[in-house]
N, C-alpha and C. Protein backbone atom coordinates (compact mmCIF):
# COMPACT_ATOMS: atom_id res chain seq x y z
N MET A 1 -47.47 -87.39 2.16
CA MET A 1 -46.65 -86.82 1.12
C MET A 1 -46.18 -85.42 1.51
N MET A 2 -47.12 -84.61 1.99
CA MET A 2 -46.76 -83.24 2.35
C MET A 2 -45.76 -83.22 3.51
N GLU A 3 -45.91 -84.20 4.42
CA GLU A 3 -44.98 -84.27 5.55
C GLU A 3 -43.56 -84.56 5.07
N LYS A 4 -43.45 -85.44 4.07
CA LYS A 4 -42.14 -85.79 3.54
C LYS A 4 -41.49 -84.58 2.85
N ILE A 5 -42.28 -83.86 2.07
CA ILE A 5 -41.76 -82.66 1.40
C ILE A 5 -41.34 -81.63 2.44
N ALA A 6 -42.18 -81.43 3.45
CA ALA A 6 -41.87 -80.46 4.50
C ALA A 6 -40.56 -80.83 5.19
N GLY A 7 -40.39 -82.10 5.48
CA GLY A 7 -39.17 -82.55 6.14
C GLY A 7 -37.93 -82.31 5.29
N GLN A 8 -38.05 -82.59 4.01
CA GLN A 8 -36.90 -82.41 3.11
C GLN A 8 -36.54 -80.94 2.95
N LEU A 9 -37.55 -80.06 3.00
CA LEU A 9 -37.30 -78.63 2.84
C LEU A 9 -37.03 -77.92 4.16
N GLY A 10 -37.26 -78.62 5.26
CA GLY A 10 -37.08 -77.99 6.56
C GLY A 10 -38.15 -76.96 6.87
N LEU A 11 -39.36 -77.19 6.36
CA LEU A 11 -40.48 -76.29 6.59
C LEU A 11 -41.58 -77.02 7.35
N PRO A 12 -42.43 -76.27 8.04
CA PRO A 12 -43.59 -76.93 8.64
C PRO A 12 -44.58 -77.34 7.56
N LYS A 13 -45.41 -78.34 7.85
CA LYS A 13 -46.41 -78.81 6.89
C LYS A 13 -47.30 -77.66 6.43
N ALA A 14 -47.66 -76.77 7.33
CA ALA A 14 -48.50 -75.62 6.98
C ALA A 14 -47.80 -74.71 5.98
N GLY A 15 -46.50 -74.61 6.06
CA GLY A 15 -45.74 -73.79 5.12
C GLY A 15 -45.80 -74.35 3.70
N VAL A 16 -45.68 -75.66 3.59
CA VAL A 16 -45.77 -76.31 2.28
C VAL A 16 -47.17 -76.12 1.71
N LYS A 17 -48.19 -76.28 2.55
CA LYS A 17 -49.56 -76.09 2.11
C LYS A 17 -49.78 -74.66 1.62
N TYR A 18 -49.24 -73.69 2.35
CA TYR A 18 -49.36 -72.28 1.96
C TYR A 18 -48.73 -72.03 0.59
N TYR A 19 -47.52 -72.52 0.40
CA TYR A 19 -46.83 -72.30 -0.88
C TYR A 19 -47.55 -73.00 -2.03
N ASN A 20 -48.12 -74.17 -1.77
CA ASN A 20 -48.92 -74.83 -2.80
C ASN A 20 -50.11 -73.97 -3.19
N GLN A 21 -50.83 -73.46 -2.20
CA GLN A 21 -52.00 -72.63 -2.48
C GLN A 21 -51.63 -71.36 -3.25
N GLU A 22 -50.53 -70.74 -2.90
CA GLU A 22 -50.09 -69.53 -3.60
C GLU A 22 -49.72 -69.85 -5.06
N THR A 23 -49.09 -70.99 -5.27
CA THR A 23 -48.74 -71.40 -6.62
C THR A 23 -50.01 -71.69 -7.42
N TYR A 24 -50.97 -72.36 -6.81
CA TYR A 24 -52.24 -72.63 -7.49
C TYR A 24 -52.92 -71.33 -7.90
N LYS A 25 -52.91 -70.33 -7.02
CA LYS A 25 -53.53 -69.03 -7.35
C LYS A 25 -52.86 -68.41 -8.56
N LYS A 26 -51.54 -68.42 -8.58
CA LYS A 26 -50.80 -67.81 -9.69
C LYS A 26 -51.07 -68.53 -11.01
N LEU A 27 -51.30 -69.83 -10.95
CA LEU A 27 -51.57 -70.60 -12.16
C LEU A 27 -53.06 -70.59 -12.53
N GLY A 28 -53.91 -70.09 -11.64
CA GLY A 28 -55.34 -70.06 -11.90
C GLY A 28 -56.00 -71.43 -11.81
N ILE A 29 -55.47 -72.26 -10.90
CA ILE A 29 -56.00 -73.61 -10.69
C ILE A 29 -56.33 -73.78 -9.23
N ASN A 30 -56.91 -74.95 -8.86
CA ASN A 30 -57.26 -75.12 -7.45
C ASN A 30 -56.99 -76.50 -6.86
N ASN A 31 -56.27 -77.35 -7.58
CA ASN A 31 -55.94 -78.65 -6.99
C ASN A 31 -54.71 -79.26 -7.66
N LYS A 32 -54.25 -80.35 -7.07
CA LYS A 32 -53.02 -80.99 -7.54
C LYS A 32 -53.17 -81.57 -8.94
N ALA A 33 -54.33 -82.15 -9.24
CA ALA A 33 -54.55 -82.71 -10.58
C ALA A 33 -54.46 -81.63 -11.64
N ALA A 34 -55.04 -80.48 -11.36
CA ALA A 34 -54.97 -79.36 -12.31
C ALA A 34 -53.53 -78.86 -12.43
N ALA A 35 -52.76 -78.91 -11.34
CA ALA A 35 -51.36 -78.49 -11.39
C ALA A 35 -50.56 -79.43 -12.29
N VAL A 36 -50.82 -80.72 -12.19
CA VAL A 36 -50.13 -81.69 -13.04
C VAL A 36 -50.51 -81.46 -14.50
N ALA A 37 -51.79 -81.23 -14.76
CA ALA A 37 -52.25 -80.98 -16.13
C ALA A 37 -51.60 -79.71 -16.68
N GLU A 38 -51.51 -78.68 -15.86
CA GLU A 38 -50.87 -77.43 -16.30
C GLU A 38 -49.39 -77.64 -16.59
N ALA A 39 -48.72 -78.40 -15.73
CA ALA A 39 -47.29 -78.68 -15.96
C ALA A 39 -47.10 -79.46 -17.25
N ARG A 40 -47.99 -80.40 -17.53
CA ARG A 40 -47.88 -81.15 -18.78
C ARG A 40 -48.13 -80.26 -19.98
N SER A 41 -49.11 -79.36 -19.87
CA SER A 41 -49.41 -78.47 -21.01
C SER A 41 -48.25 -77.50 -21.27
N ARG A 42 -47.48 -77.21 -20.22
CA ARG A 42 -46.30 -76.34 -20.37
C ARG A 42 -45.03 -77.14 -20.65
N ARG A 43 -45.22 -78.45 -20.83
CA ARG A 43 -44.11 -79.37 -21.10
C ARG A 43 -43.03 -79.36 -20.02
N LEU A 44 -43.49 -79.26 -18.77
CA LEU A 44 -42.57 -79.32 -17.64
C LEU A 44 -42.45 -80.75 -17.10
N LEU A 45 -43.40 -81.59 -17.49
CA LEU A 45 -43.37 -83.02 -17.10
C LEU A 45 -43.36 -83.89 -18.32
């Protein structure tokens, strides 16, 4: 999945991982499931 996102954005896989981690820090979460839950609580999904 991360490879596909990286390819579409023209970034290396490590770059996508870095941006995910930075976003998780800003949201105060630590994994993808928590990110989905946070997006739902903010009515983004």
